[in-house]
Every structure is written in structure tokens, then in C-alpha cells.
Protein backbone atom coordinates (compact mmCIF):
# COMPACT_ATOMS: atom_id res chain seq x y z
CA MET A 1 -11.66 -86.51 2.87
CA ALA A 2 -10.68 -85.96 -0.73
CA ALA A 3 -14.12 -84.67 -1.56
CA LYS A 4 -13.80 -82.12 1.26
CA GLU A 5 -10.42 -80.91 -0.04
CA ASP A 6 -11.86 -80.55 -3.55
CA LEU A 7 -14.69 -78.44 -2.16
CA TYR A 8 -12.28 -76.10 -0.35
CA SER A 9 -10.13 -75.75 -3.46
CA GLN A 10 -13.07 -74.25 -5.33
CA ILE A 11 -13.52 -71.44 -2.81
CA ILE A 12 -12.03 -68.15 -4.00
CA PRO A 13 -10.01 -66.30 -1.33
CA ARG A 14 -11.81 -63.27 0.08
CA LYS A 15 -9.25 -60.71 -1.15
CA ILE A 16 -9.39 -62.01 -4.70
CA ARG A 17 -13.18 -62.23 -4.55
CA GLN A 18 -13.47 -58.58 -3.49
CA GLN A 19 -11.17 -57.42 -6.28
CA HIS A 20 -13.66 -58.67 -8.88
CA ARG A 21 -16.72 -57.18 -7.20
CA THR A 22 -18.00 -53.93 -8.63
CA GLY A 23 -20.40 -51.42 -7.16
CA THR A 24 -20.02 -52.58 -3.55
CA ILE A 25 -21.64 -50.64 -0.74
CA LYS A 26 -18.21 -49.52 0.41
CA HIS A 27 -17.82 -47.31 -2.66
CA GLY A 28 -21.38 -45.94 -2.69
CA SER A 29 -22.41 -42.48 -1.52
CA SER A 30 -24.00 -42.09 1.90
CA LEU A 31 -27.39 -41.56 0.28
CA GLU A 32 -27.02 -44.69 -1.88
CA ILE A 33 -26.08 -46.75 1.16
CA LEU A 34 -29.11 -45.54 3.11
CA LEU A 35 -31.36 -46.26 0.15
CA SER A 36 -29.91 -49.77 -0.15
CA MET A 37 -30.81 -50.27 3.52
CA GLY A 38 -34.45 -49.58 2.69
CA PHE A 39 -34.88 -46.04 3.97
CA PRO A 40 -37.16 -43.76 1.89
CA LYS A 41 -35.20 -41.19 -0.10
CA ALA A 42 -36.78 -38.14 1.57
CA ARG A 43 -36.04 -39.49 5.04
CA ALA A 44 -32.48 -40.42 4.11
CA GLN A 45 -31.81 -36.94 2.76
CA LYS A 46 -33.33 -35.35 5.87
CA ALA A 47 -31.16 -37.51 8.13
CA LEU A 48 -27.99 -36.59 6.24
CA ALA A 49 -28.84 -32.89 6.33
CA SER A 50 -29.69 -33.06 10.05
CA THR A 51 -26.34 -34.68 10.91
CA GLY A 52 -24.14 -32.64 8.58
CA GLY A 53 -23.52 -35.66 6.32
CA ARG A 54 -20.97 -36.85 8.86
CA SER A 55 -21.47 -40.59 8.32
CA VAL A 56 -23.99 -43.25 7.41
CA GLN A 57 -23.99 -44.44 11.02
CA ALA A 58 -24.89 -40.96 12.29
CA ALA A 59 -27.74 -40.72 9.77
CA CYS A 60 -29.03 -44.17 10.80
CA ASP A 61 -28.91 -43.21 14.47
CA TRP A 62 -30.85 -40.04 13.69
CA LEU A 63 -33.51 -41.97 11.78
CA PHE A 64 -33.97 -44.57 14.51
CA SER A 65 -34.12 -41.85 17.20
CA HIS A 66 -36.76 -39.92 15.24
CA VAL A 67 -39.01 -42.85 14.43
CA ASP A 68 -41.79 -41.27 16.55
CA ASP A 69 -41.11 -37.72 15.33
CA PRO A 70 -44.44 -36.38 13.97
CA PHE A 71 -42.50 -34.13 11.55
CA LEU A 72 -40.21 -36.86 10.20
CA ASP A 73 -41.83 -36.67 6.75
CA ASP A 74 -42.31 -32.90 6.81
CA PRO A 75 -40.68 -31.46 3.63
CA LEU A 76 -39.79 -28.18 5.39
CA PRO A 77 -36.07 -27.52 4.67
CA ARG A 78 -33.42 -26.48 7.18
CA GLU A 79 -32.11 -22.95 7.47
CA TYR A 80 -28.44 -22.28 6.62
CA VAL A 81 -25.94 -19.49 7.27
CA LEU A 82 -22.42 -18.64 6.07
CA TYR A 83 -19.97 -17.44 8.71
CA LEU A 84 -16.31 -16.47 8.70
CA ARG A 85 -14.65 -18.14 11.72
CA PRO A 86 -11.20 -17.37 13.18
CA THR A 87 -8.61 -20.05 13.96
CA GLY A 88 -5.12 -19.87 15.40
CA PRO A 89 -3.71 -17.42 18.02
CA LEU A 90 -6.43 -14.81 17.55
CA ALA A 91 -9.06 -17.47 18.05
CA GLN A 92 -7.42 -18.43 21.33
CA LYS A 93 -7.50 -14.79 22.48
CA LEU A 94 -11.18 -14.55 21.62
CA SER A 95 -11.81 -17.78 23.50
CA ASP A 96 -10.06 -16.32 26.55
CA PHE A 97 -12.25 -13.21 26.30
CA TRP A 98 -15.38 -15.39 26.04
CA GLN A 99 -14.53 -17.31 29.19
CA GLN A 100 -13.35 -14.31 31.23
CA SER A 101 -16.30 -12.12 30.29
CA LYS A 102 -18.70 -14.88 31.31
CA GLN A 103 -16.79 -15.48 34.53
CA PHE A 104 -16.60 -11.83 35.63
CA CYS A 105 -19.80 -10.39 34.18
CA GLY A 106 -22.08 -13.34 33.56
CA LYS A 107 -23.56 -14.42 30.27
CA ASN A 108 -24.66 -11.82 27.70
CA LYS A 109 -26.30 -12.21 24.30
CA ALA A 110 -22.96 -12.59 22.49
CA HIS A 111 -22.32 -15.88 24.28
CA ASN A 112 -25.23 -17.53 22.44
CA ILE A 113 -23.12 -17.88 19.28
CA PHE A 114 -19.37 -18.47 18.91
CA PRO A 115 -17.19 -15.59 17.57
CA HIS A 116 -17.77 -15.07 13.85
CA ILE A 117 -18.26 -12.62 11.01
CA THR A 118 -21.62 -12.97 9.26
CA LEU A 119 -21.17 -13.14 5.49
CA CYS A 120 -24.71 -14.16 4.48
CA GLN A 121 -28.09 -14.05 6.15
CA PHE A 122 -29.95 -17.24 7.04
CA PHE A 123 -31.43 -18.91 3.97
CA MET A 124 -33.33 -22.13 3.25
CA CYS A 125 -31.96 -25.03 1.22
CA GLU A 126 -33.64 -28.31 0.33
CA ASP A 127 -32.12 -31.42 1.88
CA SER A 128 -31.30 -32.82 -1.55
CA LYS A 129 -29.15 -29.78 -2.46
CA VAL A 130 -26.91 -29.48 0.62
CA ASP A 131 -23.93 -31.24 -1.00
CA ALA A 132 -24.14 -28.95 -4.02
CA LEU A 133 -24.30 -25.95 -1.67
CA CYS A 134 -21.04 -26.99 0.02
CA GLU A 135 -19.46 -27.56 -3.40
CA ALA A 136 -20.44 -24.01 -4.37
CA LEU A 137 -18.68 -22.66 -1.28
CA GLN A 138 -15.56 -24.71 -1.97
CA ALA A 139 -15.41 -23.46 -5.55
CA THR A 140 -15.86 -19.84 -4.47
CA VAL A 141 -13.13 -20.10 -1.81
CA SER A 142 -10.71 -21.64 -4.35
CA HIS A 143 -11.39 -18.77 -6.74
CA TRP A 144 -10.84 -16.11 -4.06
CA LYS A 145 -8.09 -17.67 -1.94
CA SER A 146 -5.24 -15.43 -3.13
CA ARG A 147 -7.24 -12.19 -2.82
CA PHE A 148 -7.95 -12.09 0.91
CA PRO A 149 -6.00 -9.60 3.04
CA ASN A 150 -3.66 -11.20 5.55
CA PRO A 151 -3.94 -10.35 8.35
CA LEU A 152 -7.54 -9.18 8.27
CA PRO A 153 -7.51 -5.70 9.91
CA LEU A 154 -9.93 -5.35 12.82
CA GLU A 155 -10.78 -2.24 14.85
CA LEU A 156 -12.20 -2.31 18.37
CA TYR A 157 -15.51 -0.47 18.80
CA ILE A 158 -17.10 0.13 22.22
CA SER A 159 -20.46 1.72 23.04
CA SER A 160 -22.74 1.68 26.07
CA ASN A 161 -24.40 -1.62 25.08
CA PHE A 162 -22.17 -3.13 22.38
CA ILE A 163 -18.53 -4.19 22.00
CA GLY A 164 -17.10 -5.62 18.78
CA LEU A 165 -14.22 -5.86 16.33
CA PHE A 166 -15.08 -4.25 12.99
CA VAL A 167 -13.43 -5.09 9.68
CA LYS A 168 -11.88 -2.05 8.02
CA GLU A 169 -14.04 -0.79 5.17
CA ASP A 170 -11.72 -1.56 2.22
CA CYS A 171 -11.20 -5.16 3.37
CA ALA A 172 -14.87 -5.52 4.24
CA GLU A 173 -15.72 -4.77 0.60
CA ILE A 174 -13.53 -7.70 -0.49
CA LEU A 175 -15.37 -10.04 1.86
CA LYS A 176 -18.73 -8.75 0.65
CA LYS A 177 -17.74 -9.42 -2.97
CA PHE A 178 -16.70 -12.93 -1.95
CA ALA A 179 -20.12 -13.45 -0.33
CA ALA A 180 -21.83 -12.13 -3.46
CA ASP A 181 -19.89 -14.60 -5.62
CA PHE A 182 -20.91 -17.44 -3.31
CA ALA A 183 -24.54 -16.35 -3.60
CA ALA A 184 -24.23 -16.41 -7.41
CA ASP A 185 -22.60 -19.87 -7.39
CA ALA A 186 -25.21 -21.20 -4.99
CA LEU A 187 -28.01 -19.91 -7.22
CA GLN A 188 -26.44 -21.52 -10.29
CA LYS A 189 -25.71 -24.90 -8.69
CA THR A 190 -28.66 -25.29 -6.33
CA GLU A 191 -31.23 -22.64 -7.30
CA VAL A 192 -30.99 -21.44 -3.69
CA ARG A 193 -31.27 -17.70 -3.13
CA VAL A 194 -28.66 -16.38 -0.69
CA GLU A 195 -28.66 -12.80 0.61
CA PRO A 196 -25.14 -11.47 1.32
CA HIS A 197 -24.72 -9.46 4.52
CA LYS A 198 -24.90 -5.74 3.65
CA LYS A 199 -24.21 -4.17 7.04
CA GLN A 200 -20.78 -3.51 8.53
CA LEU A 201 -18.82 -6.73 8.97
CA HIS A 202 -17.72 -7.40 12.53
CA VAL A 203 -17.06 -9.90 15.30
CA THR A 204 -19.48 -9.33 18.18
CA LEU A 205 -17.75 -9.51 21.57
CA ALA A 206 -20.58 -8.46 23.90
CA TYR A 207 -24.03 -6.87 23.83
CA HIS A 208 -27.14 -6.58 26.00
CA PHE A 209 -25.05 -6.43 29.16
CA LEU A 210 -25.50 -4.44 32.38
CA ASP A 211 -24.14 -0.89 32.48
CA SER A 212 -22.05 -1.78 35.51
CA HIS A 213 -20.23 -4.45 33.49
CA LEU A 214 -19.03 -2.07 30.76
CA PRO A 215 -15.68 -1.10 32.42
CA THR A 216 -14.72 -4.76 32.97
CA LEU A 217 -15.75 -5.84 29.47
CA GLU A 218 -13.94 -2.85 27.96
CA LYS A 219 -10.73 -3.74 29.78
CA LEU A 220 -10.94 -7.38 28.68
CA ALA A 221 -11.62 -6.37 25.07
CA GLN A 222 -8.62 -4.03 25.00
CA ASN A 223 -6.38 -6.99 25.86
CA ILE A 224 -7.24 -8.68 22.54
CA ASP A 225 -4.31 -8.29 20.14
CA THR A 226 -5.95 -8.12 16.71
CA ASP A 227 -2.55 -8.37 14.99
CA LEU A 228 -2.11 -11.98 16.09
CA GLY A 229 -1.90 -14.63 13.38
CA CYS A 230 -5.22 -15.97 12.20
CA ASP A 231 -6.49 -18.14 9.39
CA TRP A 232 -10.13 -17.41 8.66
CA VAL A 233 -12.38 -20.23 7.46
CA ALA A 234 -15.69 -19.91 5.64
CA ALA A 235 -18.12 -22.30 7.35
CA ILE A 236 -21.72 -23.37 6.73
CA PHE A 237 -24.05 -24.15 9.63
CA SER A 238 -27.72 -25.03 9.72
CA ARG A 239 -30.59 -25.05 12.20
CA ASP A 240 -34.12 -26.44 12.33
CA ILE A 241 -36.33 -23.63 11.09
CA ARG A 242 -39.25 -24.82 13.25
CA PHE A 243 -37.43 -23.78 16.43
CA VAL A 244 -35.97 -20.43 15.38
CA ASN A 245 -38.11 -18.46 17.85
CA HIS A 246 -37.83 -21.04 20.63
CA GLU A 247 -35.66 -20.90 23.73
CA THR A 248 -32.86 -23.48 23.77
CA LEU A 249 -32.53 -25.56 26.94
CA GLN A 250 -30.36 -28.52 27.94
CA VAL A 251 -31.23 -31.50 30.11
CA LEU A 252 -29.39 -31.85 33.43
CA TYR A 253 -30.98 -34.98 34.90
CA PRO A 254 -32.67 -38.13 33.54
CA TYR A 255 -36.42 -38.36 33.78
CA LEU A 256 -38.79 -41.21 32.95
CA PRO A 257 -42.34 -40.16 32.02
CA GLN A 258 -45.01 -40.92 34.62
CA ASN A 259 -47.88 -40.01 32.27
CA ASP A 260 -48.54 -40.31 28.54
CA ASP A 261 -48.22 -36.57 27.92
CA GLU A 262 -44.74 -36.29 29.46
CA LEU A 263 -41.36 -36.31 27.71
CA GLU A 264 -38.46 -38.61 28.54
CA LEU A 265 -35.29 -36.70 29.42
CA VAL A 266 -31.71 -37.84 28.82
CA PRO A 267 -28.82 -35.73 30.19
CA GLY A 268 -27.13 -33.70 27.46
CA ASP A 269 -30.15 -33.60 25.16
CA PHE A 270 -31.45 -30.21 24.03
CA ILE A 271 -35.03 -29.05 24.47
CA PHE A 272 -36.79 -26.37 22.39
CA MET A 273 -39.36 -24.35 24.31
CA SER A 274 -41.84 -21.88 22.85
CA PRO A 275 -43.29 -19.22 25.20
CA VAL A 276 -46.59 -19.47 23.31
CA GLU A 277 -46.98 -23.15 24.29
CA GLN A 278 -46.52 -22.55 28.03
CA THR A 279 -50.05 -21.26 28.65
CA ILE A 280 -51.37 -24.82 29.03
CA THR A 281 -48.76 -26.01 31.52
CA SER A 282 -48.91 -26.27 35.31
CA GLU A 283 -46.54 -24.36 37.58
CA GLY A 284 -43.09 -25.93 37.58
CA TRP A 285 -43.66 -27.68 34.25
CA ILE A 286 -42.95 -26.66 30.67
CA TYR A 287 -43.89 -28.00 27.26
CA GLY A 288 -40.96 -28.66 24.94
CA THR A 289 -39.58 -30.67 22.04
CA SER A 290 -36.53 -32.93 22.21
CA LEU A 291 -33.75 -32.37 19.67
CA SER A 292 -32.68 -36.03 19.86
CA THR A 293 -36.11 -37.53 19.16
CA GLY A 294 -38.33 -34.76 17.77
CA CYS A 295 -41.00 -35.75 20.30
CA SER A 296 -42.84 -33.18 22.41
CA GLY A 297 -44.34 -33.27 25.87
CA LEU A 298 -44.40 -31.90 29.40
CA LEU A 299 -41.25 -31.94 31.54
CA PRO A 300 -40.25 -30.59 34.98
CA GLU A 301 -38.45 -27.29 34.53
CA ASN A 302 -35.94 -27.96 37.33
CA TYR A 303 -34.42 -30.79 35.27
CA ILE A 304 -33.13 -28.40 32.61
CA THR A 305 -30.96 -25.31 32.22
CA LYS A 306 -30.57 -22.56 29.63
CA ALA A 307 -28.21 -23.37 26.75
CA ASP A 308 -26.49 -21.51 23.92
CA GLU A 309 -28.48 -21.13 20.73
CA CYS A 310 -25.66 -22.52 18.56
CA GLY A 311 -25.49 -25.68 20.69
CA THR A 312 -28.09 -27.28 18.42
CA TRP A 313 -26.67 -26.11 15.12
CA VAL A 314 -25.27 -28.56 12.59
CA PHE A 315 -21.87 -28.03 10.99
CA HIS A 316 -21.68 -28.85 7.27
CA GLY A 317 -18.13 -27.89 6.28
CA SER A 318 -15.50 -25.16 6.26
CA TYR A 319 -12.77 -24.01 3.87
CA SER A 320 -9.66 -22.01 4.68
CA LEU A 321 -9.33 -18.58 3.09
CA LEU A 322 -5.61 -18.20 3.72
CA ASN A 323 -4.39 -21.78 4.18
CA THR A 324 -1.72 -20.77 6.70
CA THR A 325 -0.09 -23.03 9.25
CA SER A 326 -2.42 -21.73 11.93
CA ALA A 327 -5.27 -23.59 10.22
CA ALA A 328 -3.93 -26.81 11.69
CA MET A 329 -4.40 -25.49 15.21
CA CYS A 330 -7.44 -26.21 17.33
CA THR A 331 -10.27 -23.90 16.33
CA LEU A 332 -12.06 -21.59 18.72
CA VAL A 333 -15.23 -23.63 18.47
CA ASP A 334 -13.35 -26.80 19.42
CA ARG A 335 -11.83 -25.04 22.43
CA ALA A 336 -15.20 -23.60 23.41
CA VAL A 337 -16.77 -27.06 23.30
CA GLU A 338 -13.89 -28.47 25.35
CA SER A 339 -14.19 -25.72 27.95
CA ARG A 340 -17.95 -26.12 28.09
CA SER A 341 -17.56 -29.86 28.65
CA GLN A 342 -15.21 -29.20 31.55
CA GLU A 343 -17.51 -26.61 33.10
CA ASP A 344 -20.70 -28.58 32.61
CA SER A 345 -19.45 -32.15 33.03
CA VAL A 346 -22.74 -33.01 34.70
CA LEU A 347 -24.39 -32.78 31.30
CA GLY A 348 -22.52 -35.78 29.96
CA ASP A 349 -21.05 -36.09 26.50
CA THR A 350 -22.46 -33.44 24.19
CA ALA A 351 -21.09 -32.01 20.99
CA ALA A 352 -22.09 -28.47 20.16
CA LEU A 353 -22.07 -27.17 16.56
CA THR A 354 -21.09 -30.53 15.07
CA ILE A 355 -23.94 -32.13 16.94
CA ILE A 356 -25.03 -35.61 15.93
CA CYS A 357 -28.28 -36.57 17.57
CA GLN A 358 -27.72 -39.87 19.33
CA PRO A 359 -30.58 -42.33 19.86
CA MET A 360 -32.25 -42.38 23.25
CA GLN A 361 -30.51 -44.90 25.48
CA PRO A 362 -32.11 -46.72 28.43
CA LEU A 363 -30.95 -45.46 31.80
CA LYS A 364 -28.25 -47.70 33.29
CA VAL A 365 -27.28 -48.07 36.93
CA ASN A 366 -23.65 -48.74 37.79
CA ASN A 367 -23.06 -51.71 40.09
CA HIS A 368 -20.79 -49.55 42.25
CA LEU A 369 -23.61 -47.15 43.05
CA ARG A 370 -26.38 -47.52 45.63
CA TRP A 371 -29.79 -45.95 45.14
CA THR A 372 -31.32 -44.37 48.26
CA GLU A 373 -34.55 -42.52 48.86
CA GLU A 374 -33.67 -39.04 50.05
CA ALA A 375 -35.10 -35.58 49.74
CA MET A 376 -33.54 -33.68 46.83
CA PRO A 377 -35.29 -30.30 46.30
CA LEU A 378 -33.37 -29.60 43.08
CA CYS A 379 -34.68 -32.69 41.31
CA LEU A 380 -38.03 -33.12 43.01
CA SER A 381 -40.70 -32.98 40.34
CA PRO A 382 -43.36 -30.38 41.11
CA ARG A 383 -47.00 -31.35 41.62
CA ARG A 384 -49.09 -31.03 38.49
CA LYS A 385 -52.37 -29.17 38.84
CA ASP A 386 -54.14 -31.67 36.61
CA GLY A 387 -54.19 -34.26 39.40
CA CYS A 388 -51.13 -36.31 38.46
CA ARG A 389 -49.26 -37.70 41.46
CA VAL A 390 -45.89 -36.60 42.82
CA TRP A 391 -43.08 -39.11 43.32
CA LYS A 392 -39.86 -39.18 45.29
CA VAL A 393 -36.51 -38.83 43.56
CA LEU A 394 -33.79 -41.46 43.88
CA VAL A 395 -30.38 -40.02 44.66
CA VAL A 396 -27.15 -41.76 43.71
CA THR A 397 -24.83 -42.30 46.67
CA VAL A 398 -21.30 -43.52 46.00
CA ILE A 399 -20.31 -46.42 48.27
């Protein structure tokens, strides 16, 4: 017994033991932690860039989900953009316009991207330089913070096929100089070439809409009070350059492949579809690539729906230009995501803009549900012309 007590007395308490440890994983950078876990550096950097550097766990999930991605080791960088986003009361008004215009007139091209002012055109940045790029933006915002006009004056412009809020010329020049300074800082810190936006700065409200919808959209736009309080934030987003010219779709229903050339579908996942690749597909089928896995294959087109382009973008950080109290309020993007989740609850849990690609999960059946064989035209997979068989769809019936 005494020998056992002597042994315990030699054990250093955990708290004291941790105080003397240096260089623990807890204090390492996300990249260092991933490297210590055995991931190759290029893959670790790609995972962090593809998840916005949100967390080590998100990067690990991305890596495990993309283990079969044929482009996992492709050195092609992501494409980035700098936007000015509204927050506060004005953002809420714009959100109301977004929802009402979609409700009364249907979706137009403006709905593909959240309300914003473009400060810089899309540009490429290597995965290893993303942190330095965000640091360049933070430094530029700190330097310019006291020079921005508050409130930012906006003027409503309406034409036969376009409606927007334009920044008054003198204030627009200030924003353009800010963008030029960011481009210079980015070049110095990352050697990335950024092209500031040279056209008139504006917030697009609607475009490419039917002529019959103009009176309704005009009336809704005139209800936007541009004098409302607003804190503008400079935000960096990125997208996968491989899918720039692809159509963005979102999965509605789960689907398990019946053949080797088919793609597994998980509700909420995004699919990239290129019109060029559809020449080889049978009627009722499309060829696409999954955002969550990077894998490509055939899938039934009645299992998916059209989605917003920005739904697959990755958010990397934002910095307030005015630092007013309204900055603490829920942003327009957050409200748009919340509203979209309520409208499209069938899609499951998705996170637009700040998207973190979750690993594919096996389909689970709740014990309180009963599976029955019934006809369901919406989910019935079409017959493939290449001879593959057709199967019935199982419909969930609540007991």
C-alpha cells in the first residue's frame, strides 16, 4: 500500500504539468495543427482556404470529404473578390426588398448575389497567401476608417431593365481610392494583383426582369429609405474558379448511386453543372460535380433545384468601415440565410456564404417513420437510355 502511495505522490497534477509545457498544439496555428496531424502542406492550405480558415475541424472535415476528389492536389488557386456590404437598418430594408421582389415578381439575376457594392474585380490568390490578404484588408481599413462618409449617400436609378442604388460621385471616388490602397497593400504583402472596380459604384436591386414587373419593382424600390443608419463592412469572399461558368444547383432529395458512373446526393449539397458536359447524358439526367466531395457523375435532374450563385462562396473576413453601433446588428446576409432556411426547410441545414463543406453522411432512417412503396412522380428517377434499370422510390410516411 505504501508503495502505491509513493507512486501517486510522484505524479504531477495536470494543471501544473500543462503550465510547464511549451509549444502545445493548443497554441499552434491552424496550419501547424494540420501538419502535425500528418496532412501534406498543400492539402492543408487548400482545406483552410476552401473553408475560410474557420477552424481546424472544418478543414479536417473538408479533407476527409474530398479524399476521392480528383482535383484535391490541383494547385489551381481560388478566385477572390472584395465587396462592401451593408449592415443595420438599411440592410434590413434591402432584405425586405429582396424577399418582396422575389415573392411578387419571381427571381431575377440580382437575387443570385446578396446586396453589395463591388470594390474590386475577381482576382486569384494562392492558398498560402490568404491570411496575408486578409491582413492587408484589415490594415487598409484601419488606415481609412475615419475618412469614410457617414451616411454613404445613395441615389435610386431605374431603367427598363435595371434598378439600383448608385453612390454619389464624390463619395464614390473615396471608395475607389480605398480600393486602390487595398490593391497596393495586397501587392506588397502577397504579390497578388488586384484590379479596383472602375465603373460607377452601386448596389444592384434588380436586373434581367420582365417588362411587366417594372412597375411593381419600381414601387418596392421607392420604399427603400437610403437615409437609414448603416455600417458598411469590407468583406472578402472566394469561389472555386473551376466552376465559374457552371450553373449552381442544390440537392432536394437523397439518392444512392445504382451504377458506378452516378453521383451520391445528400440534401443541402450544391451541384455544379456545365452545359457543355450535358451532351453525353440521357433525358432526365445531368452530369455534375458535388461541392461537398468534389466528385462528379450522373444524377437525376428532378432531385435538384436551381440555387443562388453565392450559395457556394466562402467567406474569409470582414472589417467595419464606420464602427457604429449598427455593426452589432444581424447582417443582411445572415437574415437572407435565415429566411432562405425557413423557405427551403426541405433542403436541410445549409449555410450560404460562410459555407463549410460537411463530409458525406450515411442516410439514416428515423424509428418513428415507416417506409412504403408508393408512386412519387417528383422523385421517380427517369429511365436511362444506356440500358440501366429503373427503380421505385421509397416514400416516408409518418405514423
